[in-house]
PDB file of N, CA and C in Angstrom:
ATOM      1  N   MET A   1     112.333 105.431  89.643  1.00  0.00           N
ATOM      2  CA  MET A   1     111.471 106.417  90.395  1.00  0.00           C
ATOM      3  C   MET A   1     110.737 105.682  91.592  1.00  0.00           C
ATOM      4  N   SER A   2     110.767 105.987  92.925  1.00  0.00           N
ATOM      5  CA  SER A   2     109.984 105.327  93.948  1.00  0.00           C
ATOM      6  C   SER A   2     108.855 106.179  94.316  1.00  0.00           C
ATOM      7  N   GLN A   3     108.038 105.563  94.709  1.00  0.00           N
ATOM      8  CA  GLN A   3     106.834 106.050  95.403  1.00  0.00           C
ATOM      9  C   GLN A   3     106.882 106.069  96.899  1.00  0.00           C
ATOM     10  N   GLN A   4     106.337 107.304  97.547  1.00  0.00           N
ATOM     11  CA  GLN A   4     106.513 107.561  99.158  1.00  0.00           C
ATOM     12  C   GLN A   4     105.125 107.142  99.512  1.00  0.00           C
ATOM     13  N   TYR A   5     105.352 106.490 100.759  1.00  0.00           N
ATOM     14  CA  TYR A   5     104.152 106.210 101.457  1.00  0.00           C
ATOM     15  C   TYR A   5     104.078 106.808 102.863  1.00  0.00           C
ATOM     16  N   ARG A   6     103.018 107.300 103.411  1.00  0.00           N
ATOM     17  CA  ARG A   6     102.751 107.906 104.626  1.00  0.00           C
ATOM     18  C   ARG A   6     101.644 107.162 105.332  1.00  0.00           C
ATOM     19  N   SER A   7     102.085 107.207 106.690  1.00  0.00           N
ATOM     20  CA  SER A   7     100.978 106.608 107.487  1.00  0.00           C
ATOM     21  C   SER A   7      99.859 107.648 107.737  1.00  0.00           C
ATOM     22  N   SER A   8      98.604 106.989 108.254  1.00  0.00           N
ATOM     23  CA  SER A   8      97.657 107.767 108.378  1.00  0.00           C
ATOM     24  C   SER A   8      97.728 108.481 109.512  1.00  0.00           C
ATOM     25  N   ARG A   9      97.223 109.955 109.581  1.00  0.00           N
ATOM     26  CA  ARG A   9      97.149 110.753 110.947  1.00  0.00           C
ATOM     27  C   ARG A   9      96.077 110.149 111.919  1.00  0.00           C
ATOM     28  N   LEU A  10      95.505 109.243 111.423  1.00  0.00           N
ATOM     29  CA  LEU A  10      94.383 108.819 112.502  1.00  0.00           C
ATOM     30  C   LEU A  10      94.943 107.807 113.383  1.00  0.00           C
ATOM     31  N   THR A  11      96.323 107.362 113.213  1.00  0.00           N
ATOM     32  CA  THR A  11      96.716 106.428 114.002  1.00  0.00           C
ATOM     33  C   THR A  11      97.644 106.968 115.073  1.00  0.00           C
ATOM     34  N   SER A  12      97.904 106.283 116.358  1.00  0.00           N
ATOM     35  CA  SER A  12      98.533 106.877 117.240  1.00  0.00           C
ATOM     36  C   SER A  12     100.098 107.196 116.759  1.00  0.00           C
ATOM     37  N   GLY A  13     100.583 108.376 117.418  1.00  0.00           N
ATOM     38  CA  GLY A  13     102.027 108.518 117.021  1.00  0.00           C
ATOM     39  C   GLY A  13     102.300 109.235 115.762  1.00  0.00           C
ATOM     40  N   ASN A  14     101.171 109.487 114.906  1.00  0.00           N
ATOM     41  CA  ASN A  14     101.225 110.096 113.688  1.00  0.00           C
ATOM     42  C   ASN A  14     100.313 111.341 113.463  1.00  0.00           C
ATOM     43  N   ARG A  15      99.766 111.715 114.477  1.00  0.00           N
ATOM     44  CA  ARG A  15      98.843 112.786 114.509  1.00  0.00           C
ATOM     45  C   ARG A  15      99.377 113.969 113.695  1.00  0.00           C
ATOM     46  N   LEU A  16     100.529 114.555 114.328  1.00  0.00           N
ATOM     47  CA  LEU A  16     101.116 115.669 113.787  1.00  0.00           C
ATOM     48  C   LEU A  16     102.171 115.482 112.589  1.00  0.00           C
ATOM     49  N   PHE A  17     102.718 114.346 112.751  1.00  0.00           N
ATOM     50  CA  PHE A  17     103.857 114.142 111.755  1.00  0.00           C
ATOM     51  C   PHE A  17     103.986 112.799 111.388  1.00  0.00           C
ATOM     52  N   PRO A  18     103.147 112.492 110.364  1.00  0.00           N
ATOM     53  CA  PRO A  18     103.262 111.125 109.846  1.00  0.00           C
ATOM     54  C   PRO A  18     104.657 110.453 109.541  1.00  0.00           C
ATOM     55  N   ASP A  19     104.639 109.105 109.509  1.00  0.00           N
ATOM     56  CA  ASP A  19     105.876 108.594 109.295  1.00  0.00           C
ATOM     57  C   ASP A  19     105.794 108.372 107.706  1.00  0.00           C
ATOM     58  N   THR A  20     107.013 108.256 107.028  1.00  0.00           N
ATOM     59  CA  THR A  20     107.091 107.943 105.536  1.00  0.00           C
ATOM     60  C   THR A  20     108.117 107.025 105.477  1.00  0.00           C
ATOM     61  N   ILE A  21     107.870 106.187 104.230  1.00  0.00           N
ATOM     62  CA  ILE A  21     108.539 105.124 103.755  1.00  0.00           C
ATOM     63  C   ILE A  21     108.700 105.005 102.286  1.00  0.00           C
ATOM     64  N   SER A  22     109.835 104.695 101.736  1.00  0.00           N
ATOM     65  CA  SER A  22     109.960 104.683 100.277  1.00  0.00           C
ATOM     66  C   SER A  22     110.700 103.548  99.939  1.00  0.00           C
ATOM     67  N   VAL A  23     110.550 102.857  98.810  1.00  0.00           N
ATOM     68  CA  VAL A  23     111.466 101.855  98.379  1.00  0.00           C
ATOM     69  C   VAL A  23     112.125 102.509  97.090  1.00  0.00           C
ATOM     70  N   ASP A  24     113.467 102.677  97.396  1.00  0.00           N
ATOM     71  CA  ASP A  24     114.353 102.868  96.144  1.00  0.00           C
ATOM     72  C   ASP A  24     115.383 101.988  95.762  1.00  0.00           C
ATOM     73  N   SER A  25     116.052 102.412  94.806  1.00  0.00           N
ATOM     74  CA  SER A  25     117.161 101.551  94.381  1.00  0.00           C
ATOM     75  C   SER A  25     118.184 101.153  95.053  1.00  0.00           C
ATOM     76  N   ASP A  26     118.604 102.051  96.081  1.00  0.00           N
ATOM     77  CA  ASP A  26     119.814 101.697  97.042  1.00  0.00           C
ATOM     78  C   ASP A  26     119.208 101.282  98.209  1.00  0.00           C
ATOM     79  N   GLY A  27     117.762 101.155  98.710  1.00  0.00           N
ATOM     80  CA  GLY A  27     117.418 100.668  99.868  1.00  0.00           C
ATOM     81  C   GLY A  27     116.048 101.335 100.212  1.00  0.00           C
ATOM     82  N   VAL A  28     115.728 100.936 101.555  1.00  0.00           N
ATOM     83  CA  VAL A  28     114.523 101.422 102.013  1.00  0.00           C
ATOM     84  C   VAL A  28     114.734 102.439 102.691  1.00  0.00           C
ATOM     85  N   HIS A  29     114.236 103.761 102.460  1.00  0.00           N
ATOM     86  CA  HIS A  29     114.222 104.924 103.290  1.00  0.00           C
ATOM     87  C   HIS A  29     112.995 105.145 104.166  1.00  0.00           C
ATOM     88  N   TYR A  30     113.271 105.599 105.226  1.00  0.00           N
ATOM     89  CA  TYR A  30     112.066 105.602 106.495  1.00  0.00           C
ATOM     90  C   TYR A  30     112.467 106.849 107.261  1.00  0.00           C
ATOM     91  N   GLU A  31     111.561 107.785 107.423  1.00  0.00           N
ATOM     92  CA  GLU A  31     111.706 108.838 107.915  1.00  0.00           C
ATOM     93  C   GLU A  31     110.528 108.964 109.224  1.00  0.00           C
ATOM     94  N   LYS A  32     110.873 109.336 110.474  1.00  0.00           N
ATOM     95  CA  LYS A  32     110.152 109.647 111.588  1.00  0.00           C
ATOM     96  C   LYS A  32     110.333 110.945 111.938  1.00  0.00           C
ATOM     97  N   ARG A  33     109.525 111.988 111.614  1.00  0.00           N
ATOM     98  CA  ARG A  33     109.711 113.501 111.972  1.00  0.00           C
ATOM     99  C   ARG A  33     109.114 113.531 113.298  1.00  0.00           C
ATOM    100  N   ARG A  34     109.727 114.738 113.975  1.00  0.00           N
ATOM    101  CA  ARG A  34     109.397 115.173 115.476  1.00  0.00           C
ATOM    102  C   ARG A  34     109.242 116.668 115.249  1.00  0.00           C
ATOM    103  N   LEU A  35     108.925 117.027 116.384  1.00  0.00           N
ATOM    104  CA  LEU A  35     108.702 118.612 116.539  1.00  0.00           C
ATOM    105  C   LEU A  35     109.987 119.241 116.349  1.00  0.00           C
ATOM    106  N   PHE A  36     111.186 118.858 116.809  1.00  0.00           N
ATOM    107  CA  PHE A  36     112.361 119.344 116.692  1.00  0.00           C
ATOM    108  C   PHE A  36     113.191 118.332 115.866  1.00  0.00           C
ATOM    109  N   GLY A  37     113.261 118.283 114.613  1.00  0.00           N
ATOM    110  CA  GLY A  37     114.324 117.368 114.027  1.00  0.00           C
ATOM    111  C   GLY A  37     113.371 116.137 113.517  1.00  0.00           C
ATOM    112  N   SER A  38     114.160 115.174 113.156  1.00  0.00           N
ATOM    113  CA  SER A  38     113.507 113.876 112.515  1.00  0.00           C
ATOM    114  C   SER A  38     114.745 112.698 112.672  1.00  0.00           C
ATOM    115  N   ASN A  39     114.130 111.539 112.495  1.00  0.00           N
ATOM    116  CA  ASN A  39     115.095 110.296 112.453  1.00  0.00           C
ATOM    117  C   ASN A  39     114.870 109.962 111.068  1.00  0.00           C
ATOM    118  N   GLU A  40     116.089 109.744 110.345  1.00  0.00           N
ATOM    119  CA  GLU A  40     115.993 109.222 108.955  1.00  0.00           C
ATOM    120  C   GLU A  40     116.865 107.832 109.075  1.00  0.00           C
ATOM    121  N   GLU A  41     116.401 106.847 108.174  1.00  0.00           N
ATOM    122  CA  GLU A  41     117.140 105.612 108.163  1.00  0.00           C
ATOM    123  C   GLU A  41     117.225 105.039 106.800  1.00  0.00           C
ATOM    124  N   VAL A  42     118.418 104.707 106.325  1.00  0.00           N
ATOM    125  CA  VAL A  42     118.057 103.986 105.024  1.00  0.00           C
ATOM    126  C   VAL A  42     118.801 102.501 105.160  1.00  0.00           C
ATOM    127  N   VAL A  43     117.919 101.411 104.821  1.00  0.00           N
ATOM    128  CA  VAL A  43     118.334 100.199 105.081  1.00  0.00           C
ATOM    129  C   VAL A  43     118.613  99.593 103.763  1.00  0.00           C
ATOM    130  N   ASN A  44     119.951  99.034 103.602  1.00  0.00           N
ATOM    131  CA  ASN A  44     120.247  98.357 102.171  1.00  0.00           C
ATOM    132  C   ASN A  44     119.384  96.937 102.020  1.00  0.00           C
ATOM    133  N   PHE A  45     119.100  96.749 101.038  1.00  0.00           N
ATOM    134  CA  PHE A  45     118.254  95.331 100.700  1.00  0.00           C
ATOM    135  C   PHE A  45     119.251  94.066 101.166  1.00  0.00           C
ATOM    136  N   ARG A  46     120.307  93.998 101.312  1.00  0.00           N
ATOM    137  CA  ARG A  46     121.207  93.089 101.539  1.00  0.00           C
ATOM    138  C   ARG A  46     121.043  92.939 103.123  1.00  0.00           C
ATOM    139  N   HIS A  47     120.769  93.946 103.836  1.00  0.00           N
ATOM    140  CA  HIS A  47     120.724  93.760 105.222  1.00  0.00           C
ATOM    141  C   HIS A  47     119.257  93.460 105.740  1.00  0.00           C
ATOM    142  N   ILE A  48     118.262  93.162 105.000  1.00  0.00           N
ATOM    143  CA  ILE A  48     116.890  93.171 105.299  1.00  0.00           C
ATOM    144  C   ILE A  48     116.768  91.686 105.634  1.00  0.00           C
ATOM    145  N   ALA A  49     116.452  91.225 106.660  1.00  0.00           N
ATOM    146  CA  ALA A  49     116.181  89.690 107.115  1.00  0.00           C
ATOM    147  C   ALA A  49     114.752  89.372 106.586  1.00  0.00           C
ATOM    148  N   SER A  50     113.929  90.081 107.008  1.00  0.00           N
ATOM    149  CA  SER A  50     112.505  89.751 106.891  1.00  0.00           C
ATOM    150  C   SER A  50     111.641  91.167 106.997  1.00  0.00           C
ATOM    151  N   VAL A  51     110.513  90.993 106.276  1.00  0.00           N
ATOM    152  CA  VAL A  51     109.570  92.042 106.417  1.00  0.00           C
ATOM    153  C   VAL A  51     108.060  91.308 106.747  1.00  0.00           C
ATOM    154  N   LYS A  52     107.645  91.902 107.893  1.00  0.00           N
ATOM    155  CA  LYS A  52     106.411  91.526 108.203  1.00  0.00           C
ATOM    156  C   LYS A  52     105.038  92.524 108.053  1.00  0.00           C
ATOM    157  N   VAL A  53     104.154  91.983 107.728  1.00  0.00           N
ATOM    158  CA  VAL A  53     102.930  92.851 107.600  1.00  0.00           C
ATOM    159  C   VAL A  53     101.776  92.376 108.500  1.00  0.00           C
ATOM    160  N   ARG A  54     101.407  93.158 109.609  1.00  0.00           N
ATOM    161  CA  ARG A  54     100.235  92.836 110.401  1.00  0.00           C
ATOM    162  C   ARG A  54      99.159  93.776 110.024  1.00  0.00           C
ATOM    163  N   ASN A  55      97.821  93.135 109.595  1.00  0.00           N
ATOM    164  CA  ASN A  55      96.732  93.890 108.907  1.00  0.00           C
ATOM    165  C   ASN A  55      95.720  94.085 110.280  1.00  0.00           C
ATOM    166  N   GLY A  56      95.492  95.044 110.568  1.00  0.00           N
ATOM    167  CA  GLY A  56      94.311  95.373 111.372  1.00  0.00           C
ATOM    168  C   GLY A  56      92.870  95.463 110.603  1.00  0.00           C
ATOM    169  N   ILE A  57      91.867  96.251 111.277  1.00  0.00           N
ATOM    170  CA  ILE A  57      90.831  96.435 110.593  1.00  0.00           C
ATOM    171  C   ILE A  57      90.951  97.427 109.332  1.00  0.00           C
ATOM    172  N   PHE A  58      91.477  98.606 109.707  1.00  0.00           N
ATOM    173  CA  PHE A  58      91.552  99.693 108.739  1.00  0.00           C
ATOM    174  C   PHE A  58      93.031  99.982 108.136  1.00  0.00           C
ATOM    175  N   PHE A  59      94.020  99.593 108.966  1.00  0.00           N
ATOM    176  CA  PHE A  59      95.421  99.933 108.825  1.00  0.00           C
ATOM    177  C   PHE A  59      96.297  98.893 109.126  1.00  0.00           C
ATOM    178  N   SER A  60      97.694  98.799 108.444  1.00  0.00           N
ATOM    179  CA  SER A  60      98.409  97.843 108.709  1.00  0.00           C
ATOM    180  C   SER A  60      99.730  98.367 109.365  1.00  0.00           C
ATOM    181  N   THR A  61     100.607  97.519 109.731  1.00  0.00           N
ATOM    182  CA  THR A  61     101.910  97.788 110.572  1.00  0.00           C
ATOM    183  C   THR A  61     102.935  96.981 109.655  1.00  0.00           C
ATOM    184  N   VAL A  62     103.842  97.710 109.102  1.00  0.00           N
ATOM    185  CA  VAL A  62     105.117  97.080 108.489  1.00  0.00           C
ATOM    186  C   VAL A  62     106.318  96.972 109.396  1.00  0.00           C
ATOM    187  N   GLN A  63     106.824  95.673 109.544  1.00  0.00           N
ATOM    188  CA  GLN A  63     107.924  95.718 110.427  1.00  0.00           C
ATOM    189  C   GLN A  63     109.034  95.026 109.469  1.00  0.00           C
ATOM    190  N   ILE A  64     110.267  95.854 109.458  1.00  0.00           N
ATOM    191  CA  ILE A  64     111.389  95.477 108.614  1.00  0.00           C
ATOM    192  C   ILE A  64     112.436  95.086 109.554  1.00  0.00           C
ATOM    193  N   GLU A  65     112.925  93.750 109.726  1.00  0.00           N
ATOM    194  CA  GLU A  65     113.940  93.360 110.651  1.00  0.00           C
ATOM    195  C   GLU A  65     115.133  93.236 109.754  1.00  0.00           C
ATOM    196  N   THR A  66     116.272  93.638 110.437  1.00  0.00           N
ATOM    197  CA  THR A  66     117.608  93.768 109.639  1.00  0.00           C
ATOM    198  C   THR A  66     118.471  92.407 110.314  1.00  0.00           C
ATOM    199  N   ALA A  67     119.412  92.232 109.366  1.00  0.00           N
ATOM    200  CA  ALA A  67     120.388  91.145 109.726  1.00  0.00           C
ATOM    201  C   ALA A  67     121.447  91.382 110.772  1.00  0.00           C
ATOM    202  N   GLY A  68     121.688  92.950 110.794  1.00  0.00           N
ATOM    203  CA  GLY A  68     122.833  93.509 111.584  1.00  0.00           C
ATOM    204  C   GLY A  68     122.617  93.486 112.865  1.00  0.00           C
ATOM    205  N   GLY A  69     121.521  93.316 113.570  1.00  0.00           N
ATOM    206  CA  GLY A  69     121.121  93.148 114.837  1.00  0.00           C
ATOM    207  C   GLY A  69     120.673  94.531 115.443  1.00  0.00           C
ATOM    208  N   SER A  70     120.351  95.621 114.452  1.00  0.00           N
ATOM    209  CA  SER A  70     119.735  96.966 115.086  1.00  0.00           C
ATOM    210  C   SER A  70     118.469  96.735 115.158  1.00  0.00           C
ATOM    211  N   GLN A  71     117.914  97.765 115.882  1.00  0.00           N
ATOM    212  CA  GLN A  71     116.403  97.718 116.098  1.00  0.00           C
ATOM    213  C   GLN A  71     115.606  97.426 114.630  1.00  0.00           C
ATOM    214  N   PRO A  72     114.473  96.809 114.429  1.00  0.00           N
ATOM    215  CA  PRO A  72     113.691  96.898 113.491  1.00  0.00           C
ATOM    216  C   PRO A  72     113.052  98.151 113.113  1.00  0.00           C
ATOM    217  N   VAL A  73     112.704  98.475 111.813  1.00  0.00           N
ATOM    218  CA  VAL A  73     112.035  99.566 111.334  1.00  0.00           C
ATOM    219  C   VAL A  73     110.598  99.099 111.295  1.00  0.00           C
ATOM    220  N   ILE A  74     109.739 100.027 112.253  1.00  0.00           N
ATOM    221  CA  ILE A  74     108.408  99.806 112.282  1.00  0.00           C
ATOM    222  C   ILE A  74     107.589 101.064 111.956  1.00  0.00           C
ATOM    223  N   ILE A  75     106.655 100.919 111.210  1.00  0.00           N
ATOM    224  CA  ILE A  75     105.881 101.847 110.474  1.00  0.00           C
ATOM    225  C   ILE A  75     104.387 101.406 110.762  1.00  0.00           C
ATOM    226  N   LYS A  76     103.576 102.254 111.670  1.00  0.00           N
ATOM    227  CA  LYS A  76     102.304 101.997 112.021  1.00  0.00           C
ATOM    228  C   LYS A  76     101.173 102.767 110.994  1.00  0.00           C
ATOM    229  N   GLY A  77     100.159 102.200 110.841  1.00  0.00           N
ATOM    230  CA  GLY A  77      99.335 103.069 110.042  1.00  0.00           C
ATOM    231  C   GLY A  77      99.046 103.244 108.698  1.00  0.00           C
ATOM    232  N   LEU A  78      99.667 102.290 107.702  1.00  0.00           N
ATOM    233  CA  LEU A  78      99.844 102.183 106.399  1.00  0.00           C
ATOM    234  C   LEU A  78      98.543 101.775 106.020  1.00  0.00           C
ATOM    235  N   GLY A  79      97.980 102.057 105.050  1.00  0.00           N
ATOM    236  CA  GLY A  79      96.811 101.630 104.300  1.00  0.00           C
ATOM    237  C   GLY A  79      97.140  99.973 103.944  1.00  0.00           C
ATOM    238  N   LYS A  80      96.236  99.404 104.034  1.00  0.00           N
ATOM    239  CA  LYS A  80      96.497  97.744 103.691  1.00  0.00           C
ATOM    240  C   LYS A  80      97.118  97.699 102.276  1.00  0.00           C
ATOM    241  N   SER A  81      96.601  98.265 101.338  1.00  0.00           N
ATOM    242  CA  SER A  81      97.063  98.116 100.030  1.00  0.00           C
ATOM    243  C   SER A  81      98.640  98.739  99.813  1.00  0.00           C
ATOM    244  N   ASP A  82      98.861  99.617 100.790  1.00  0.00           N
ATOM    245  CA  ASP A  82     100.103 100.490 100.801  1.00  0.00           C
ATOM    246  C   ASP A  82     101.227  99.582 101.243  1.00  0.00           C
ATOM    247  N   ALA A  83     100.733  98.914 102.266  1.00  0.00           N
ATOM    248  CA  ALA A  83     101.644  97.734 103.082  1.00  0.00           C
ATOM    249  C   ALA A  83     102.188  96.707 102.249  1.00  0.00           C
ATOM    250  N   LYS A  84     101.007  96.240 101.344  1.00  0.00           N
ATOM    251  CA  LYS A  84     101.256  95.031 100.465  1.00  0.00           C
ATOM    252  C   LYS A  84     102.284  95.494  99.405  1.00  0.00           C
ATOM    253  N   VAL A  85     102.210  96.651  98.792  1.00  0.00           N
ATOM    254  CA  VAL A  85     103.007  97.168  97.796  1.00  0.00           C
ATOM    255  C   VAL A  85     104.555  97.193  98.443  1.00  0.00           C
ATOM    256  N   VAL A  86     104.475  97.757  99.491  1.00  0.00           N
ATOM    257  CA  VAL A  86     105.667  98.026 100.202  1.00  0.00           C
ATOM    258  C   VAL A  86     106.584  96.751 100.256  1.00  0.00           C
ATOM    259  N   ARG A  87     105.734  95.736 100.796  1.00  0.00           N
ATOM    260  CA  ARG A  87     106.257  94.335 101.035  1.00  0.00           C
ATOM    261  C   ARG A  87     106.768  93.757  99.711  1.00  0.00           C
ATOM    262  N   GLU A  88     106.001  93.794  98.738  1.00  0.00           N
ATOM    263  CA  GLU A  88     106.348  93.131  97.441  1.00  0.00           C
ATOM    264  C   GLU A  88     107.394  93.985  96.658  1.00  0.00           C
ATOM    265  N   SER A  89     107.657  95.187  96.907  1.00  0.00           N
ATOM    266  CA  SER A  89     108.556  95.920  96.322  1.00  0.00           C
ATOM    267  C   SER A  89     109.942  95.679  96.865  1.00  0.00           C
ATOM    268  N   ILE A  90     109.827  95.490  98.218  1.00  0.00           N
ATOM    269  CA  ILE A  90     111.099  94.995  98.940  1.00  0.00           C
ATOM    270  C   ILE A  90     111.660  93.444  98.519  1.00  0.00           C
ATOM    271  N   GLN A  91     110.541  92.723  98.247  1.00  0.00           N
ATOM    272  CA  GLN A  91     111.033  91.311  97.737  1.00  0.00           C
ATOM    273  C   GLN A  91     111.423  91.273  96.561  1.00  0.00           C
ATOM    274  N   LYS A  92     111.070  92.166  95.752  1.00  0.00           N
ATOM    275  CA  LYS A  92     111.428  92.299  94.205  1.00  0.00           C
ATOM    276  C   LYS A  92     112.906  92.777  94.242  1.00  0.00           C
ATOM    277  N   MET A  93     113.233  93.806  94.996  1.00  0.00           N
ATOM    278  CA  MET A  93     114.468  94.527  94.869  1.00  0.00           C
ATOM    279  C   MET A  93     115.447  93.427  95.614  1.00  0.00           C
ATOM    280  N   GLN A  94     115.137  92.658  96.547  1.00  0.00           N
ATOM    281  CA  GLN A  94     115.993  91.698  97.179  1.00  0.00           C
ATOM    282  C   GLN A  94     116.217  90.675  96.106  1.00  0.00           C
ATOM    283  N   GLN A  95     115.538  90.209  95.280  1.00  0.00           N
ATOM    284  CA  GLN A  95     115.572  89.181  94.149  1.00  0.00           C
ATOM    285  C   GLN A  95     116.728  89.706  93.152  1.00  0.00           C
ATOM    286  N   ARG A  96     116.677  91.008  92.755  1.00  0.00           N
ATOM    287  CA  ARG A  96     117.643  91.716  91.796  1.00  0.00           C
ATOM    288  C   ARG A  96     119.071  91.763  92.548  1.00  0.00           C
ATOM    289  N   SER A  97     119.283  92.034  93.750  1.00  0.00           N
ATOM    290  CA  SER A  97     120.444  92.198  94.151  1.00  0.00           C
ATOM    291  C   SER A  97     121.155  90.943  94.654  1.00  0.00           C
TER     292      SER A  97
END
């Protein structure tokens, strides 16, 4: 069972529709909602090249780079503890596969 993490509405780009990210057994699920529709992406653990966490004063940014050459998944406005849990969960799942 996975935990879903949401970005804060206090950060730019997340006022109306906060980004969500979850680490499941089949990969990392990322969703960016918009007024009309949404963008959803699932990144398999084998395709993740690196996970970067940038910490600010209150919030963190998680950047997931893929080995396939596609654009990185960037989620801004996560709580610092949530960002740490996301990174650690991805690292654990990569070690299993």
